[in-house]
PDB file of all heavy atoms in Angstrom:
ATOM      1  N   LYS A   1      32.016 -43.938  -4.903  1.00  0.00           N
ATOM      2  CA  LYS A   1      31.330 -42.808  -5.552  1.00  0.00           C
ATOM      3  C   LYS A   1      30.199 -42.281  -4.663  1.00  0.00           C
ATOM      4  O   LYS A   1      30.056 -41.068  -4.470  1.00  0.00           O
ATOM      5  CB  LYS A   1      30.793 -43.204  -6.912  1.00  0.00           C
ATOM      6  CG  LYS A   1      31.876 -43.385  -7.937  1.00  0.00           C
ATOM      7  CD  LYS A   1      31.326 -43.812  -9.265  1.00  0.00           C
ATOM      8  CE  LYS A   1      32.432 -44.092 -10.260  1.00  0.00           C
ATOM      9  NZ  LYS A   1      31.929 -44.583 -11.546  1.00  0.00           N
ATOM     10  N   ILE A   2      29.387 -43.175  -4.144  1.00  0.00           N
ATOM     11  CA  ILE A   2      28.263 -42.745  -3.329  1.00  0.00           C
ATOM     12  C   ILE A   2      28.743 -42.095  -2.044  1.00  0.00           C
ATOM     13  O   ILE A   2      28.235 -41.055  -1.613  1.00  0.00           O
ATOM     14  CB  ILE A   2      27.288 -43.921  -3.064  1.00  0.00           C
ATOM     15  CG1 ILE A   2      26.561 -44.264  -4.353  1.00  0.00           C
ATOM     16  CG2 ILE A   2      26.302 -43.583  -1.933  1.00  0.00           C
ATOM     17  CD1 ILE A   2      25.641 -45.431  -4.290  1.00  0.00           C
ATOM     18  N   CYS A   3      29.732 -42.688  -1.407  1.00  0.00           N
ATOM     19  CA  CYS A   3      30.266 -42.109  -0.141  1.00  0.00           C
ATOM     20  C   CYS A   3      30.892 -40.759  -0.422  1.00  0.00           C
ATOM     21  O   CYS A   3      30.792 -39.845   0.422  1.00  0.00           O
ATOM     22  CB  CYS A   3      31.285 -43.061   0.469  1.00  0.00           C
ATOM     23  SG  CYS A   3      30.529 -44.562   1.127  1.00  0.00           S
ATOM     24  N   HIS A   4      31.532 -40.582  -1.543  1.00  0.00           N
ATOM     25  CA  HIS A   4      32.144 -39.300  -1.896  1.00  0.00           C
ATOM     26  C   HIS A   4      31.062 -38.218  -2.083  1.00  0.00           C
ATOM     27  O   HIS A   4      31.278 -37.071  -1.692  1.00  0.00           O
ATOM     28  CB  HIS A   4      32.978 -39.444  -3.171  1.00  0.00           C
ATOM     29  CG  HIS A   4      33.671 -38.175  -3.553  1.00  0.00           C
ATOM     30  ND1 HIS A   4      34.723 -37.647  -2.875  1.00  0.00           N
ATOM     31  CD2 HIS A   4      33.416 -37.333  -4.586  1.00  0.00           C
ATOM     32  CE1 HIS A   4      35.114 -36.519  -3.457  1.00  0.00           C
ATOM     33  NE2 HIS A   4      34.320 -36.294  -4.491  1.00  0.00           N
ATOM     34  N   VAL A   5      29.949 -38.582  -2.643  1.00  0.00           N
ATOM     35  CA  VAL A   5      28.876 -37.608  -2.892  1.00  0.00           C
ATOM     36  C   VAL A   5      28.157 -37.226  -1.588  1.00  0.00           C
ATOM     37  O   VAL A   5      27.817 -36.057  -1.405  1.00  0.00           O
ATOM     38  CB  VAL A   5      27.878 -38.160  -3.927  1.00  0.00           C
ATOM     39  CG1 VAL A   5      26.618 -37.313  -4.007  1.00  0.00           C
ATOM     40  CG2 VAL A   5      28.523 -38.274  -5.300  1.00  0.00           C
ATOM     41  N   TYR A   6      27.944 -38.191  -0.718  1.00  0.00           N
ATOM     42  CA  TYR A   6      27.118 -37.947   0.461  1.00  0.00           C
ATOM     43  C   TYR A   6      27.898 -37.565   1.712  1.00  0.00           C
ATOM     44  O   TYR A   6      27.280 -37.169   2.705  1.00  0.00           O
ATOM     45  CB  TYR A   6      26.226 -39.178   0.755  1.00  0.00           C
ATOM     46  CG  TYR A   6      25.055 -39.206  -0.166  1.00  0.00           C
ATOM     47  CD1 TYR A   6      25.126 -39.830  -1.420  1.00  0.00           C
ATOM     48  CD2 TYR A   6      23.856 -38.595   0.187  1.00  0.00           C
ATOM     49  CE1 TYR A   6      24.062 -39.857  -2.272  1.00  0.00           C
ATOM     50  CE2 TYR A   6      22.756 -38.605  -0.667  1.00  0.00           C
ATOM     51  CZ  TYR A   6      22.875 -39.248  -1.904  1.00  0.00           C
ATOM     52  OH  TYR A   6      21.818 -39.240  -2.760  1.00  0.00           O
ATOM     53  N   CYS A   7      29.218 -37.718   1.715  1.00  0.00           N
ATOM     54  CA  CYS A   7      30.004 -37.385   2.897  1.00  0.00           C
ATOM     55  C   CYS A   7      31.197 -36.525   2.514  1.00  0.00           C
ATOM     56  O   CYS A   7      31.676 -36.577   1.383  1.00  0.00           O
ATOM     57  CB  CYS A   7      30.517 -38.659   3.569  1.00  0.00           C
ATOM     58  SG  CYS A   7      29.209 -39.728   4.162  1.00  0.00           S
ATOM     59  N   TYR A   8      31.657 -35.754   3.490  1.00  0.00           N
ATOM     60  CA  TYR A   8      32.755 -34.837   3.243  1.00  0.00           C
ATOM     61  C   TYR A   8      34.066 -35.280   3.885  1.00  0.00           C
ATOM     62  O   TYR A   8      35.130 -35.120   3.302  1.00  0.00           O
ATOM     63  CB  TYR A   8      32.397 -33.418   3.710  1.00  0.00           C
ATOM     64  CG  TYR A   8      31.185 -32.886   3.015  1.00  0.00           C
ATOM     65  CD1 TYR A   8      29.963 -32.815   3.690  1.00  0.00           C
ATOM     66  CD2 TYR A   8      31.205 -32.515   1.681  1.00  0.00           C
ATOM     67  CE1 TYR A   8      28.813 -32.350   3.041  1.00  0.00           C
ATOM     68  CE2 TYR A   8      30.084 -32.051   1.019  1.00  0.00           C
ATOM     69  CZ  TYR A   8      28.902 -31.971   1.728  1.00  0.00           C
ATOM     70  OH  TYR A   8      27.788 -31.517   1.070  1.00  0.00           O
ATOM     71  N   THR A   9      34.006 -35.811   5.073  1.00  0.00           N
ATOM     72  CA  THR A   9      35.242 -36.191   5.749  1.00  0.00           C
ATOM     73  C   THR A   9      35.566 -37.659   5.505  1.00  0.00           C
ATOM     74  O   THR A   9      34.665 -38.473   5.216  1.00  0.00           O
ATOM     75  CB  THR A   9      35.137 -35.974   7.272  1.00  0.00           C
ATOM     76  OG1 THR A   9      34.213 -36.888   7.817  1.00  0.00           O
ATOM     77  CG2 THR A   9      34.745 -34.543   7.592  1.00  0.00           C
ATOM     78  N   LYS A  10      36.812 -37.977   5.656  1.00  0.00           N
ATOM     79  CA  LYS A  10      37.283 -39.358   5.450  1.00  0.00           C
ATOM     80  C   LYS A  10      36.578 -40.319   6.409  1.00  0.00           C
ATOM     81  O   LYS A  10      36.152 -41.407   6.030  1.00  0.00           O
ATOM     82  CB  LYS A  10      38.799 -39.441   5.659  1.00  0.00           C
ATOM     83  CG  LYS A  10      39.393 -40.790   5.483  1.00  0.00           C
ATOM     84  CD  LYS A  10      40.891 -40.756   5.681  1.00  0.00           C
ATOM     85  CE  LYS A  10      41.477 -42.155   5.601  1.00  0.00           C
ATOM     86  NZ  LYS A  10      42.914 -42.154   5.819  1.00  0.00           N
ATOM     87  N   GLU A  11      36.426 -39.871   7.658  1.00  0.00           N
ATOM     88  CA  GLU A  11      35.813 -40.716   8.659  1.00  0.00           C
ATOM     89  C   GLU A  11      34.329 -40.972   8.350  1.00  0.00           C
ATOM     90  O   GLU A  11      33.840 -42.098   8.482  1.00  0.00           O
ATOM     91  CB  GLU A  11      35.923 -40.069  10.060  1.00  0.00           C
ATOM     92  CG  GLU A  11      37.335 -39.990  10.584  1.00  0.00           C
ATOM     93  CD  GLU A  11      38.148 -38.840   9.987  1.00  0.00           C
ATOM     94  OE1 GLU A  11      37.544 -37.907   9.399  1.00  0.00           O
ATOM     95  OE2 GLU A  11      39.382 -38.885  10.111  1.00  0.00           O
ATOM     96  N   ASP A  12      33.620 -39.942   7.894  1.00  0.00           N
ATOM     97  CA  ASP A  12      32.222 -40.103   7.520  1.00  0.00           C
ATOM     98  C   ASP A  12      32.085 -41.052   6.329  1.00  0.00           C
ATOM     99  O   ASP A  12      31.160 -41.882   6.281  1.00  0.00           O
ATOM    100  CB  ASP A  12      31.575 -38.769   7.176  1.00  0.00           C
ATOM    101  CG  ASP A  12      31.326 -37.903   8.415  1.00  0.00           C
ATOM    102  OD1 ASP A  12      31.497 -38.427   9.539  1.00  0.00           O
ATOM    103  OD2 ASP A  12      30.972 -36.733   8.251  1.00  0.00           O
ATOM    104  N   LYS A  13      32.986 -40.953   5.383  1.00  0.00           N
ATOM    105  CA  LYS A  13      32.954 -41.828   4.222  1.00  0.00           C
ATOM    106  C   LYS A  13      33.199 -43.285   4.646  1.00  0.00           C
ATOM    107  O   LYS A  13      32.512 -44.194   4.144  1.00  0.00           O
ATOM    108  CB  LYS A  13      34.024 -41.429   3.198  1.00  0.00           C
ATOM    109  CG  LYS A  13      33.679 -40.097   2.523  1.00  0.00           C
ATOM    110  CD  LYS A  13      34.807 -39.657   1.606  1.00  0.00           C
ATOM    111  CE  LYS A  13      34.500 -38.248   1.063  1.00  0.00           C
ATOM    112  NZ  LYS A  13      35.550 -37.749   0.192  1.00  0.00           N
ATOM    113  N   GLN A  14      34.111 -43.491   5.567  1.00  0.00           N
ATOM    114  CA  GLN A  14      34.363 -44.849   6.063  1.00  0.00           C
ATOM    115  C   GLN A  14      33.166 -45.392   6.809  1.00  0.00           C
ATOM    116  O   GLN A  14      32.787 -46.554   6.625  1.00  0.00           O
ATOM    117  CB  GLN A  14      35.600 -44.867   6.960  1.00  0.00           C
ATOM    118  CG  GLN A  14      36.906 -44.654   6.209  1.00  0.00           C
ATOM    119  CD  GLN A  14      38.090 -44.484   7.139  1.00  0.00           C
ATOM    120  OE1 GLN A  14      37.962 -44.192   8.313  1.00  0.00           O
ATOM    121  NE2 GLN A  14      39.288 -44.656   6.585  1.00  0.00           N
ATOM    122  N   ASP A  15      32.548 -44.561   7.645  1.00  0.00           N
ATOM    123  CA  ASP A  15      31.377 -44.993   8.407  1.00  0.00           C
ATOM    124  C   ASP A  15      30.245 -45.339   7.458  1.00  0.00           C
ATOM    125  O   ASP A  15      29.573 -46.363   7.630  1.00  0.00           O
ATOM    126  CB  ASP A  15      30.931 -43.914   9.355  1.00  0.00           C
ATOM    127  CG  ASP A  15      31.860 -43.719  10.562  1.00  0.00           C
ATOM    128  OD1 ASP A  15      32.676 -44.604  10.812  1.00  0.00           O
ATOM    129  OD2 ASP A  15      31.735 -42.685  11.235  1.00  0.00           O
ATOM    130  N   LEU A  16      29.988 -44.500   6.470  1.00  0.00           N
ATOM    131  CA  LEU A  16      28.908 -44.772   5.529  1.00  0.00           C
ATOM    132  C   LEU A  16      29.217 -46.015   4.704  1.00  0.00           C
ATOM    133  O   LEU A  16      28.327 -46.841   4.493  1.00  0.00           O
ATOM    134  CB  LEU A  16      28.685 -43.571   4.596  1.00  0.00           C
ATOM    135  CG  LEU A  16      27.559 -43.746   3.586  1.00  0.00           C
ATOM    136  CD1 LEU A  16      26.216 -44.063   4.265  1.00  0.00           C
ATOM    137  CD2 LEU A  16      27.449 -42.510   2.706  1.00  0.00           C
ATOM    138  N   SER A  17      30.437 -46.201   4.317  1.00  0.00           N
ATOM    139  CA  SER A  17      30.830 -47.391   3.566  1.00  0.00           C
ATOM    140  C   SER A  17      30.561 -48.656   4.375  1.00  0.00           C
ATOM    141  O   SER A  17      30.027 -49.632   3.850  1.00  0.00           O
ATOM    142  CB  SER A  17      32.304 -47.293   3.178  1.00  0.00           C
ATOM    143  OG  SER A  17      32.687 -48.434   2.463  1.00  0.00           O
ATOM    144  N   GLN A  18      30.911 -48.617   5.647  1.00  0.00           N
ATOM    145  CA  GLN A  18      30.663 -49.797   6.512  1.00  0.00           C
ATOM    146  C   GLN A  18      29.141 -50.030   6.654  1.00  0.00           C
ATOM    147  O   GLN A  18      28.712 -51.193   6.635  1.00  0.00           O
ATOM    148  CB  GLN A  18      31.279 -49.593   7.872  1.00  0.00           C
ATOM    149  CG  GLN A  18      32.784 -49.676   7.865  1.00  0.00           C
ATOM    150  CD  GLN A  18      33.393 -49.407   9.214  1.00  0.00           C
ATOM    151  OE1 GLN A  18      32.691 -49.080  10.181  1.00  0.00           O
ATOM    152  NE2 GLN A  18      34.707 -49.519   9.300  1.00  0.00           N
ATOM    153  N   GLU A  19      28.392 -48.986   6.807  1.00  0.00           N
ATOM    154  CA  GLU A  19      26.928 -49.132   6.922  1.00  0.00           C
ATOM    155  C   GLU A  19      26.335 -49.721   5.661  1.00  0.00           C
ATOM    156  O   GLU A  19      25.446 -50.561   5.702  1.00  0.00           O
ATOM    157  CB  GLU A  19      26.286 -47.800   7.271  1.00  0.00           C
ATOM    158  CG  GLU A  19      24.795 -47.868   7.482  1.00  0.00           C
ATOM    159  CD  GLU A  19      24.370 -48.718   8.664  1.00  0.00           C
ATOM    160  OE1 GLU A  19      25.129 -48.821   9.647  1.00  0.00           O
ATOM    161  OE2 GLU A  19      23.269 -49.291   8.605  1.00  0.00           O
ATOM    162  N   ILE A  20      26.823 -49.250   4.514  1.00  0.00           N
ATOM    163  CA  ILE A  20      26.306 -49.788   3.232  1.00  0.00           C
ATOM    164  C   ILE A  20      26.647 -51.269   3.101  1.00  0.00           C
ATOM    165  O   ILE A  20      25.788 -52.072   2.726  1.00  0.00           O
ATOM    166  CB  ILE A  20      26.892 -48.987   2.038  1.00  0.00           C
ATOM    167  CG1 ILE A  20      26.273 -47.579   2.017  1.00  0.00           C
ATOM    168  CG2 ILE A  20      26.636 -49.694   0.715  1.00  0.00           C
ATOM    169  CD1 ILE A  20      26.960 -46.623   1.058  1.00  0.00           C
ATOM    170  N   ILE A  21      27.876 -51.636   3.451  1.00  0.00           N
ATOM    171  CA  ILE A  21      28.268 -53.041   3.355  1.00  0.00           C
ATOM    172  C   ILE A  21      27.416 -53.915   4.305  1.00  0.00           C
ATOM    173  O   ILE A  21      26.981 -55.003   3.932  1.00  0.00           O
ATOM    174  CB  ILE A  21      29.763 -53.217   3.630  1.00  0.00           C
ATOM    175  CG1 ILE A  21      30.568 -52.601   2.472  1.00  0.00           C
ATOM    176  CG2 ILE A  21      30.137 -54.691   3.810  1.00  0.00           C
ATOM    177  CD1 ILE A  21      32.054 -52.493   2.719  1.00  0.00           C
ATOM    178  N   LEU A  22      27.135 -53.384   5.494  1.00  0.00           N
ATOM    179  CA  LEU A  22      26.275 -54.120   6.421  1.00  0.00           C
ATOM    180  C   LEU A  22      24.884 -54.313   5.837  1.00  0.00           C
ATOM    181  O   LEU A  22      24.324 -55.420   5.880  1.00  0.00           O
ATOM    182  CB  LEU A  22      26.172 -53.353   7.744  1.00  0.00           C
ATOM    183  CG  LEU A  22      25.206 -53.938   8.765  1.00  0.00           C
ATOM    184  CD1 LEU A  22      25.649 -55.329   9.213  1.00  0.00           C
ATOM    185  CD2 LEU A  22      25.100 -53.024   9.956  1.00  0.00           C
ATOM    186  N   GLN A  23      24.317 -53.261   5.239  1.00  0.00           N
ATOM    187  CA  GLN A  23      22.993 -53.364   4.640  1.00  0.00           C
ATOM    188  C   GLN A  23      22.997 -54.320   3.438  1.00  0.00           C
ATOM    189  O   GLN A  23      22.055 -55.087   3.230  1.00  0.00           O
ATOM    190  CB  GLN A  23      22.482 -51.989   4.231  1.00  0.00           C
ATOM    191  CG  GLN A  23      22.208 -51.063   5.395  1.00  0.00           C
ATOM    192  CD  GLN A  23      21.244 -51.656   6.416  1.00  0.00           C
ATOM    193  OE1 GLN A  23      20.231 -52.271   6.058  1.00  0.00           O
ATOM    194  NE2 GLN A  23      21.572 -51.479   7.669  1.00  0.00           N
ATOM    195  N   LEU A  24      24.073 -54.288   2.657  1.00  0.00           N
ATOM    196  CA  LEU A  24      24.185 -55.213   1.534  1.00  0.00           C
ATOM    197  C   LEU A  24      24.221 -56.652   2.020  1.00  0.00           C
ATOM    198  O   LEU A  24      23.532 -57.543   1.493  1.00  0.00           O
ATOM    199  CB  LEU A  24      25.452 -54.926   0.719  1.00  0.00           C
ATOM    200  CG  LEU A  24      25.423 -53.658  -0.144  1.00  0.00           C
ATOM    201  CD1 LEU A  24      26.836 -53.332  -0.611  1.00  0.00           C
ATOM    202  CD2 LEU A  24      24.482 -53.879  -1.319  1.00  0.00           C
ATOM    203  N   PHE A  25      24.997 -56.891   3.065  1.00  0.00           N
ATOM    204  CA  PHE A  25      25.159 -58.239   3.611  1.00  0.00           C
ATOM    205  C   PHE A  25      23.818 -58.720   4.184  1.00  0.00           C
ATOM    206  O   PHE A  25      23.403 -59.871   3.937  1.00  0.00           O
ATOM    207  CB  PHE A  25      26.221 -58.272   4.692  1.00  0.00           C
ATOM    208  CG  PHE A  25      26.482 -59.646   5.231  1.00  0.00           C
ATOM    209  CD1 PHE A  25      27.225 -60.539   4.496  1.00  0.00           C
ATOM    210  CD2 PHE A  25      26.004 -60.041   6.469  1.00  0.00           C
ATOM    211  CE1 PHE A  25      27.463 -61.828   4.992  1.00  0.00           C
ATOM    212  CE2 PHE A  25      26.222 -61.305   6.967  1.00  0.00           C
ATOM    213  CZ  PHE A  25      26.979 -62.207   6.216  1.00  0.00           C
ATOM    214  N   LYS A  26      23.123 -57.863   4.920  1.00  0.00           N
ATOM    215  CA  LYS A  26      21.861 -58.243   5.524  1.00  0.00           C
ATOM    216  C   LYS A  26      20.783 -58.550   4.476  1.00  0.00           C
ATOM    217  O   LYS A  26      19.900 -59.383   4.724  1.00  0.00           O
ATOM    218  CB  LYS A  26      21.368 -57.148   6.481  1.00  0.00           C
ATOM    219  CG  LYS A  26      22.170 -57.061   7.753  1.00  0.00           C
ATOM    220  CD  LYS A  26      21.888 -55.841   8.583  1.00  0.00           C
ATOM    221  CE  LYS A  26      20.462 -55.649   8.979  1.00  0.00           C
ATOM    222  NZ  LYS A  26      20.269 -54.486   9.880  1.00  0.00           N
TER     223      LYS A  26
END
């Protein structure tokens, strides 16, 4: 949901999702 709201392209959504998971893990 958050990636869909903040990004438009599939690639941007994937990049943001990976960044969020990294921040969650850290």
